[in-house]
Amino acid sequence: MKGVIASAEVSKPRERALLVGIHRKRGPRWEAEDSLEELARLAESAGAVVAGTILQERDAPDPRYLMGKGKAQEIKAQWGGKVDLLVMDEELSGSQQRNLEELTGWKTVDRPLLILDIFAQRARSREGKLQVELAQLDYRLPRLVGRGTALSRLGGGIGTRGPGETQLETDRRTIRRRMAKIREELAKVRRHRALLRKPRKRRAIPIVALVGYTNAGKSTLFNALTHSGVQTDDALFVTLDPILRPVTMADRFSFLLSDTVGFIRRLPEQLVAAFKATLEELDEADLLLHVIDASHPQAMEQKEAVDTILRELGLSAKSIVEVFNKVDLLPGGTATSLAVAKTPVPRVAVSAITGYGFDRLRWAVRESLAAVAAPARAYDWVPYPAVHAQG
């Protein structure tokens, strides 16, 4: 499954992709358009060249082709010879994927498989590679139906006559065995992580974890606060493996800062399950810094997508500070209005590039960690002192 879309560095020429989204008429059109635009960024991150995009309006998805057979034929006639990859902005069943491939003659992938491919390209550590492989196998298993019908063994003697075992059954058993083996290895990783955490717990070192939508600037903020050299690119899912670095403030107060994988709307459930070992760092954190790209047109929608995932992971009760990043890209005065807005959780406006708002951020972290350490004390958020309003 790895390498469904080869990276630009390995494969030349790059695959030409046609992206197709479905707008359900009962929903807002802008949401479908935004999702299709995000799909284009995903395809580019995977190494494809986006040749075109199509948004079809439907009352409901077609059970055989998702977009409808007539639309698929129309697209084939219009784009034949211009593209070699069809990317659907929906999850396809195994039969839908096969039907589209047979009708168009193009390799067809869906949004979850595209994200899995990007993760496969980004994974560097053994743990990351294992997690991605587990997610890929979990995705592949229910889509084996109809893929293999040849017999793997034929009758030959008493007790062996009959239809034998299909290749499909053999493949399923092979995949399940491999998945079980990977889960055992990831369980060892979790136990190893637990051992590493014990000294930190004994020393009572606070842990602060960065969370947020992919490409919100978490790694840039991480580098700025820790003076590290973690890779930062204008691309999706650059950071997969958790990274821990110490941060010491001017008053010698210190904590560990963790950078983890970014989230995205409709993140494949296989990935969430596979990256359990990585996401455990969030569960162990004393404080979450939810980094939000303040310059993005759908910043609040991205924020809500991350909030939803945090709820699904059982982390919504964690102490959280909302960090609106990239305010240097906003019109004047917007950053101030973000910082002083009354919200249920502390909110800070910063620029990881210029350092704007870092004093406020450090102060918010200090206050929030103090509240976690003393839960009996009622925690009332008060704005950062006006005397330090310059950030």
Protein backbone atom coordinates (compact mmCIF):
# COMPACT_ATOMS: atom_id res chain seq x y z
CA MET A 1 0.00 0.00 0.00
CA LYS A 2 2.90 2.33 0.66
CA GLY A 3 3.77 4.57 -2.23
CA VAL A 4 0.30 4.66 -3.84
CA ILE A 5 1.28 8.11 -5.04
CA ALA A 6 5.03 8.29 -5.51
CA SER A 7 6.82 11.36 -4.25
CA ALA A 8 8.06 13.94 -6.71
CA GLU A 9 11.65 13.12 -5.81
CA VAL A 10 11.27 9.46 -6.75
CA SER A 11 8.81 9.42 -9.65
CA LYS A 12 9.14 11.54 -12.80
CA PRO A 13 6.90 12.68 -14.31
CA ARG A 14 4.60 13.27 -11.33
CA GLU A 15 1.15 11.75 -11.45
CA ARG A 16 -1.56 14.03 -12.85
CA ALA A 17 -4.57 13.95 -10.57
CA LEU A 18 -8.20 14.85 -11.14
CA LEU A 19 -9.98 15.64 -7.88
CA VAL A 20 -13.71 15.03 -7.47
CA GLY A 21 -15.84 16.16 -4.54
CA ILE A 22 -19.50 15.58 -3.74
CA HIS A 23 -21.70 18.44 -2.55
CA ARG A 24 -24.78 17.10 -0.83
CA LYS A 25 -27.50 19.61 -1.61
CA ARG A 26 -28.75 19.73 1.97
CA GLY A 27 -25.35 20.99 3.18
CA PRO A 28 -23.53 24.31 2.66
CA ARG A 29 -21.66 24.51 -0.64
CA TRP A 30 -18.71 26.41 0.88
CA GLU A 31 -17.97 23.43 3.11
CA ALA A 32 -17.66 21.09 0.13
CA GLU A 33 -15.56 23.65 -1.75
CA ASP A 34 -13.23 24.10 1.21
CA SER A 35 -12.88 20.34 1.59
CA LEU A 36 -11.99 20.02 -2.11
CA GLU A 37 -9.41 22.80 -1.78
CA GLU A 38 -7.90 20.94 1.17
CA LEU A 39 -7.89 17.75 -0.91
CA ALA A 40 -5.79 19.60 -3.50
CA ARG A 41 -3.20 20.44 -0.83
CA LEU A 42 -3.20 16.81 0.27
CA ALA A 43 -2.64 15.62 -3.30
CA GLU A 44 0.22 18.08 -3.77
CA SER A 45 1.74 16.99 -0.44
CA ALA A 46 1.58 13.40 -1.68
CA GLY A 47 3.56 14.37 -4.79
CA ALA A 48 0.81 14.63 -7.41
CA VAL A 49 0.12 17.48 -9.84
CA VAL A 50 -3.50 18.66 -9.62
CA ALA A 51 -4.75 18.77 -13.21
CA GLY A 52 -8.30 19.77 -12.32
CA THR A 53 -11.09 19.70 -9.75
CA ILE A 54 -14.78 18.85 -10.09
CA LEU A 55 -17.54 19.38 -7.54
CA GLN A 56 -20.71 17.44 -8.25
CA GLU A 57 -24.04 18.17 -6.59
CA ARG A 58 -26.03 15.14 -5.53
CA ASP A 59 -28.86 14.37 -3.17
CA ALA A 60 -27.01 11.23 -2.04
CA PRO A 61 -23.88 9.30 -3.08
CA ASP A 62 -24.30 6.66 -5.77
CA PRO A 63 -23.85 3.17 -4.23
CA ARG A 64 -21.88 1.86 -7.23
CA TYR A 65 -19.74 4.80 -8.33
CA LEU A 66 -20.21 7.41 -5.59
CA MET A 67 -20.47 10.18 -8.23
CA GLY A 68 -22.87 8.31 -10.53
CA LYS A 69 -22.06 6.28 -13.65
CA GLY A 70 -23.10 9.01 -16.08
CA LYS A 71 -20.87 11.58 -14.41
CA ALA A 72 -17.95 9.14 -14.37
CA GLN A 73 -18.40 8.50 -18.12
CA GLU A 74 -18.57 12.24 -18.77
CA ILE A 75 -15.36 12.82 -16.82
CA LYS A 76 -13.63 9.99 -18.69
CA ALA A 77 -14.58 11.52 -22.04
CA GLN A 78 -13.47 15.02 -21.00
CA TRP A 79 -10.24 14.14 -19.19
CA GLY A 80 -9.09 11.01 -21.01
CA GLY A 81 -5.35 11.26 -21.76
CA LYS A 82 -4.97 14.32 -19.51
CA VAL A 83 -4.85 12.57 -16.13
CA ASP A 84 -3.78 9.19 -14.79
CA LEU A 85 -5.11 9.40 -11.23
CA LEU A 86 -8.62 9.96 -9.87
CA VAL A 87 -8.87 11.22 -6.28
CA MET A 88 -12.27 11.21 -4.56
CA ASP A 89 -12.93 13.52 -1.62
CA GLU A 90 -14.98 10.79 0.08
CA GLU A 91 -14.24 7.36 1.45
CA LEU A 92 -14.82 4.71 -1.20
CA SER A 93 -15.92 1.17 -0.60
CA GLY A 94 -13.85 -1.54 -2.24
CA SER A 95 -16.50 -2.11 -4.92
CA GLN A 96 -16.84 1.64 -5.67
CA GLN A 97 -13.09 1.93 -6.12
CA ARG A 98 -12.99 -1.07 -8.47
CA ASN A 99 -16.00 0.15 -10.47
CA LEU A 100 -14.43 3.57 -11.02
CA GLU A 101 -11.10 2.07 -12.02
CA GLU A 102 -12.75 -0.29 -14.50
CA LEU A 103 -14.92 2.45 -16.01
CA THR A 104 -12.27 5.18 -16.29
CA GLY A 105 -9.10 3.12 -16.64
CA TRP A 106 -7.43 5.38 -14.03
CA LYS A 107 -5.98 4.43 -10.71
CA THR A 108 -8.48 5.61 -8.10
CA VAL A 109 -7.86 6.58 -4.48
CA ASP A 110 -10.02 8.21 -1.84
CA ARG A 111 -9.31 10.83 0.80
CA PRO A 112 -8.34 8.37 3.58
CA LEU A 113 -5.93 6.48 1.31
CA LEU A 114 -4.38 9.78 0.18
CA ILE A 115 -3.74 10.78 3.80
CA LEU A 116 -2.34 7.32 4.55
CA ASP A 117 0.06 7.71 1.61
CA ILE A 118 1.32 11.06 2.93
CA PHE A 119 1.89 9.49 6.35
CA ALA A 120 3.80 6.64 4.68
CA GLN A 121 6.09 9.16 2.99
CA ARG A 122 6.60 11.22 6.16
CA ALA A 123 7.26 8.33 8.58
CA ARG A 124 10.92 8.22 9.60
CA SER A 125 11.17 6.31 12.88
CA ARG A 126 10.47 2.59 13.20
CA GLU A 127 7.50 3.40 15.42
CA GLY A 128 6.06 5.79 12.86
CA LYS A 129 6.48 3.27 10.05
CA LEU A 130 4.80 0.55 12.11
CA GLN A 131 1.88 2.83 12.92
CA VAL A 132 1.40 3.76 9.27
CA GLU A 133 1.63 0.12 8.15
CA LEU A 134 -0.99 -0.87 10.73
CA ALA A 135 -3.33 1.87 9.48
CA GLN A 136 -2.79 0.82 5.86
CA LEU A 137 -3.52 -2.84 6.60
CA ASP A 138 -6.60 -1.87 8.60
CA TYR A 139 -7.78 0.16 5.60
CA ARG A 140 -7.00 -2.64 3.15
CA LEU A 141 -8.58 -5.56 5.01
CA PRO A 142 -12.30 -4.81 4.35
CA ARG A 143 -11.49 -3.91 0.73
CA LEU A 144 -10.14 -7.34 -0.20
CA VAL A 145 -13.58 -8.60 -1.22
CA GLY A 146 -13.55 -9.64 -4.83
CA ARG A 147 -9.84 -8.97 -5.27
CA GLY A 148 -8.75 -12.62 -5.23
CA THR A 149 -10.73 -15.67 -6.29
CA ALA A 150 -8.00 -18.05 -7.42
CA LEU A 151 -7.56 -21.17 -5.35
CA SER A 152 -4.36 -21.30 -3.35
CA ARG A 153 -4.48 -25.06 -2.87
CA LEU A 154 -6.32 -27.78 -4.78
CA GLY A 155 -7.68 -31.10 -3.58
CA GLY A 156 -5.22 -33.98 -3.57
CA GLY A 157 -6.07 -36.95 -1.40
CA ILE A 158 -8.39 -37.86 1.42
CA GLY A 159 -9.52 -34.87 3.41
CA THR A 160 -8.18 -32.37 0.93
CA ARG A 161 -10.70 -32.63 -1.89
CA GLY A 162 -13.11 -29.78 -2.42
CA PRO A 163 -12.85 -26.11 -3.26
CA GLY A 164 -9.84 -25.55 -1.04
CA GLU A 165 -8.97 -22.16 0.37
CA THR A 166 -9.41 -19.06 -1.72
CA GLN A 167 -6.60 -16.57 -2.15
CA LEU A 168 -8.90 -14.03 -0.51
CA GLU A 169 -9.00 -16.05 2.72
CA THR A 170 -5.23 -16.51 2.61
CA ASP A 171 -4.69 -12.78 2.16
CA ARG A 172 -7.03 -11.97 5.01
CA ARG A 173 -5.29 -14.33 7.38
CA THR A 174 -1.86 -12.99 6.34
CA ILE A 175 -2.95 -9.41 6.96
CA ARG A 176 -4.52 -10.23 10.33
CA ARG A 177 -1.33 -12.00 11.44
CA ARG A 178 0.78 -9.02 10.41
CA MET A 179 -1.59 -6.61 12.19
CA ALA A 180 -1.38 -8.68 15.36
CA LYS A 181 2.43 -8.64 15.15
CA ILE A 182 2.51 -4.86 14.69
CA ARG A 183 0.16 -4.33 17.63
CA GLU A 184 2.50 -6.41 19.80
CA GLU A 185 5.47 -4.26 18.77
CA LEU A 186 3.53 -1.04 19.37
CA ALA A 187 2.52 -2.35 22.80
CA LYS A 188 6.25 -2.67 23.56
CA VAL A 189 6.68 0.93 22.44
CA ARG A 190 3.94 2.05 24.85
CA ARG A 191 5.55 0.13 27.70
CA HIS A 192 8.92 1.70 26.87
CA ARG A 193 7.33 5.16 26.84
CA ALA A 194 5.76 4.45 30.22
CA LEU A 195 9.21 3.64 31.63
CA LEU A 196 10.62 6.88 30.23
CA ARG A 197 7.81 8.85 31.83
CA LYS A 198 8.48 7.53 35.34
CA PRO A 199 11.55 9.74 36.01
CA ARG A 200 9.64 12.76 34.72
CA LYS A 201 6.75 12.00 37.05
CA ARG A 202 9.07 11.51 40.01
CA ARG A 203 10.69 14.86 39.32
CA ALA A 204 7.25 16.42 38.77
CA ILE A 205 8.27 18.04 35.48
CA PRO A 206 5.18 19.57 33.84
CA ILE A 207 4.48 18.52 30.25
CA VAL A 208 2.91 20.88 27.75
CA ALA A 209 1.79 19.44 24.40
CA LEU A 210 1.14 21.28 21.16
CA VAL A 211 -1.98 20.20 19.28
CA GLY A 212 -3.67 21.70 16.28
CA TYR A 213 -4.74 21.44 12.69
CA THR A 214 -2.01 20.37 10.32
CA ASN A 215 0.07 23.29 9.00
CA ALA A 216 -1.10 25.62 11.79
CA GLY A 217 2.54 26.38 12.62
CA LYS A 218 3.03 24.05 15.58
CA SER A 219 6.57 23.04 14.65
CA THR A 220 7.60 26.64 13.98
CA LEU A 221 6.25 27.62 17.40
CA PHE A 222 7.98 24.59 18.93
CA ASN A 223 11.33 25.68 17.44
CA ALA A 224 10.86 29.26 18.62
CA LEU A 225 10.09 28.25 22.21
CA THR A 226 12.73 25.51 22.52
CA HIS A 227 15.42 26.88 20.17
CA SER A 228 15.34 23.55 18.33
CA GLY A 229 15.75 22.70 14.67
CA VAL A 230 12.67 20.54 14.06
CA GLN A 231 11.77 20.32 10.37
CA THR A 232 9.22 22.92 9.29
CA ASP A 233 7.72 23.07 5.81
CA ASP A 234 4.64 24.61 4.22
CA ALA A 235 3.21 21.14 3.83
CA LEU A 236 0.77 18.84 5.59
CA PHE A 237 1.75 16.30 8.25
CA VAL A 238 5.45 17.20 8.49
CA THR A 239 5.65 16.00 12.13
CA LEU A 240 4.55 12.41 12.83
CA ASP A 241 6.71 11.30 15.75
CA PRO A 242 6.35 13.06 19.13
CA ILE A 243 9.28 15.33 20.00
CA LEU A 244 10.07 16.48 23.57
CA ARG A 245 12.30 19.43 24.43
CA PRO A 246 12.81 21.40 27.68
CA VAL A 247 11.73 25.03 27.98
CA THR A 248 13.12 27.26 30.72
CA MET A 249 11.60 30.67 31.44
CA ALA A 250 13.35 33.77 32.74
CA ASP A 251 12.36 32.95 36.34
CA ARG A 252 13.93 29.46 35.89
CA PHE A 253 10.49 27.84 35.78
CA SER A 254 10.79 24.94 33.33
CA PHE A 255 8.60 22.40 31.58
CA LEU A 256 8.79 19.88 28.74
CA LEU A 257 7.19 20.86 25.43
CA SER A 258 5.90 18.14 23.11
CA ASP A 259 5.13 18.46 19.41
CA THR A 260 2.87 15.81 17.89
CA VAL A 261 1.10 14.95 14.65
CA GLY A 262 -1.32 17.52 13.28
CA PHE A 263 -5.03 16.82 12.86
CA ILE A 264 -7.32 17.29 9.90
CA ARG A 265 -11.04 17.07 9.24
CA ARG A 266 -12.17 13.53 8.56
CA LEU A 267 -8.88 12.07 9.74
CA PRO A 268 -9.04 8.34 8.86
CA GLU A 269 -10.10 6.37 11.92
CA GLN A 270 -7.41 3.82 11.08
CA LEU A 271 -4.77 6.49 11.68
CA VAL A 272 -6.25 7.60 15.00
CA ALA A 273 -6.22 3.98 16.20
CA ALA A 274 -2.74 3.24 14.85
CA PHE A 275 -1.20 6.38 16.34
CA LYS A 276 -2.45 5.59 19.82
CA ALA A 277 1.11 5.29 21.13
CA THR A 278 1.97 8.73 19.78
CA LEU A 279 -1.25 10.34 20.98
CA GLU A 280 -0.61 8.99 24.48
CA GLU A 281 1.75 11.95 24.84
CA LEU A 282 -1.34 14.17 24.75
CA ASP A 283 -3.01 12.11 27.46
CA GLU A 284 0.06 12.43 29.68
CA ALA A 285 0.33 16.20 29.18
CA ASP A 286 -0.60 18.58 31.99
CA LEU A 287 -1.55 21.29 29.51
CA LEU A 288 -2.49 21.41 25.84
CA LEU A 289 -1.63 24.38 23.66
CA HIS A 290 -4.18 24.33 20.85
CA VAL A 291 -2.41 26.11 17.98
CA ILE A 292 -4.77 27.72 15.45
CA ASP A 293 -3.82 29.36 12.16
CA ALA A 294 -5.45 32.76 12.72
CA SER A 295 -4.79 33.76 9.10
CA HIS A 296 -6.75 30.87 7.59
CA PRO A 297 -10.20 31.75 6.18
CA GLN A 298 -11.72 28.77 8.00
CA ALA A 299 -9.72 29.13 11.20
CA MET A 300 -12.73 28.55 13.46
CA GLU A 301 -13.87 25.52 11.46
CA GLN A 302 -10.37 24.03 11.80
CA LYS A 303 -10.44 24.81 15.51
CA GLU A 304 -13.76 22.98 15.87
CA ALA A 305 -12.39 19.99 13.90
CA VAL A 306 -9.52 19.66 16.40
CA ASP A 307 -11.90 20.15 19.34
CA THR A 308 -14.02 17.30 17.98
CA ILE A 309 -11.01 14.97 17.72
CA LEU A 310 -9.93 15.90 21.25
CA ARG A 311 -13.40 14.99 22.49
CA GLU A 312 -13.27 11.67 20.62
CA LEU A 313 -9.90 10.95 22.24
CA GLY A 314 -11.28 11.79 25.68
CA LEU A 315 -9.01 14.82 26.06
CA SER A 316 -11.54 17.64 26.13
CA ALA A 317 -11.35 17.87 29.93
CA LYS A 318 -7.64 18.72 29.74
CA SER A 319 -6.45 22.20 30.63
CA ILE A 320 -6.18 24.04 27.30
CA VAL A 321 -4.79 27.35 26.11
CA GLU A 322 -5.84 28.45 22.63
CA VAL A 323 -2.89 29.91 20.72
CA PHE A 324 -3.88 31.89 17.64
CA ASN A 325 -0.72 31.79 15.52
CA LYS A 326 0.34 33.72 12.38
CA VAL A 327 -1.20 36.99 13.56
CA ASP A 328 1.56 38.78 11.65
CA LEU A 329 -0.49 37.96 8.55
CA LEU A 330 -3.63 39.65 9.92
CA PRO A 331 -4.75 43.29 9.55
CA GLY A 332 -3.68 45.63 12.34
CA GLY A 333 -5.69 45.39 15.54
CA THR A 334 -7.00 41.88 14.87
CA ALA A 335 -4.41 40.29 17.15
CA THR A 336 -5.46 42.50 20.07
CA SER A 337 -9.13 41.65 19.62
CA LEU A 338 -8.27 37.93 19.59
CA ALA A 339 -6.18 38.20 22.75
CA VAL A 340 -8.77 40.08 24.84
CA ALA A 341 -11.82 38.11 23.67
CA LYS A 342 -13.79 36.52 26.50
CA THR A 343 -13.73 32.77 25.99
CA PRO A 344 -14.23 29.67 28.19
CA VAL A 345 -10.51 28.91 27.96
CA PRO A 346 -7.44 31.20 27.92
CA ARG A 347 -6.65 32.61 24.48
CA VAL A 348 -3.36 34.12 23.29
CA ALA A 349 -2.46 35.74 19.95
CA VAL A 350 1.11 35.09 18.79
CA SER A 351 3.40 35.02 15.79
CA ALA A 352 5.89 32.17 15.83
CA ILE A 353 7.87 34.02 13.16
CA THR A 354 8.20 37.45 14.82
CA GLY A 355 7.87 36.43 18.49
CA TYR A 356 4.84 38.66 19.01
CA GLY A 357 2.81 37.57 22.04
CA PHE A 358 5.43 35.19 23.47
CA ASP A 359 5.45 36.94 26.86
CA ARG A 360 1.68 36.51 27.04
CA LEU A 361 2.00 32.89 26.01
CA ARG A 362 4.62 32.10 28.67
CA TRP A 363 2.49 33.83 31.28
CA ALA A 364 -0.61 31.85 30.22
CA VAL A 365 1.36 28.58 30.39
CA ARG A 366 2.67 29.44 33.84
CA GLU A 367 -0.78 30.35 35.18
CA SER A 368 -2.47 27.31 33.63
CA LEU A 369 0.14 24.90 34.98
CA ALA A 370 -0.17 26.49 38.41
CA ALA A 371 -3.92 25.89 38.26
CA VAL A 372 -3.37 22.24 37.31
CA ALA A 373 -0.91 21.80 40.17
CA ALA A 374 -3.40 23.31 42.62
CA PRO A 375 -6.82 22.07 41.46
CA ALA A 376 -8.44 23.20 44.69
CA ARG A 377 -7.79 26.80 43.65
CA ALA A 378 -10.56 28.24 41.51
CA TYR A 379 -9.10 29.25 38.17
CA ASP A 380 -10.39 32.52 36.77
CA TRP A 381 -8.74 33.65 33.55
CA VAL A 382 -7.66 37.27 33.66
CA PRO A 383 -6.15 39.05 30.64
CA TYR A 384 -2.39 39.50 30.46
CA PRO A 385 -1.40 42.67 32.39
CA ALA A 386 -1.75 45.75 30.19
CA VAL A 387 1.77 46.90 31.08
CA HIS A 388 3.08 44.02 28.95
CA ALA A 389 0.64 44.55 26.11
CA GLN A 390 3.37 44.91 23.49
CA GLY A 391 4.00 41.14 23.57
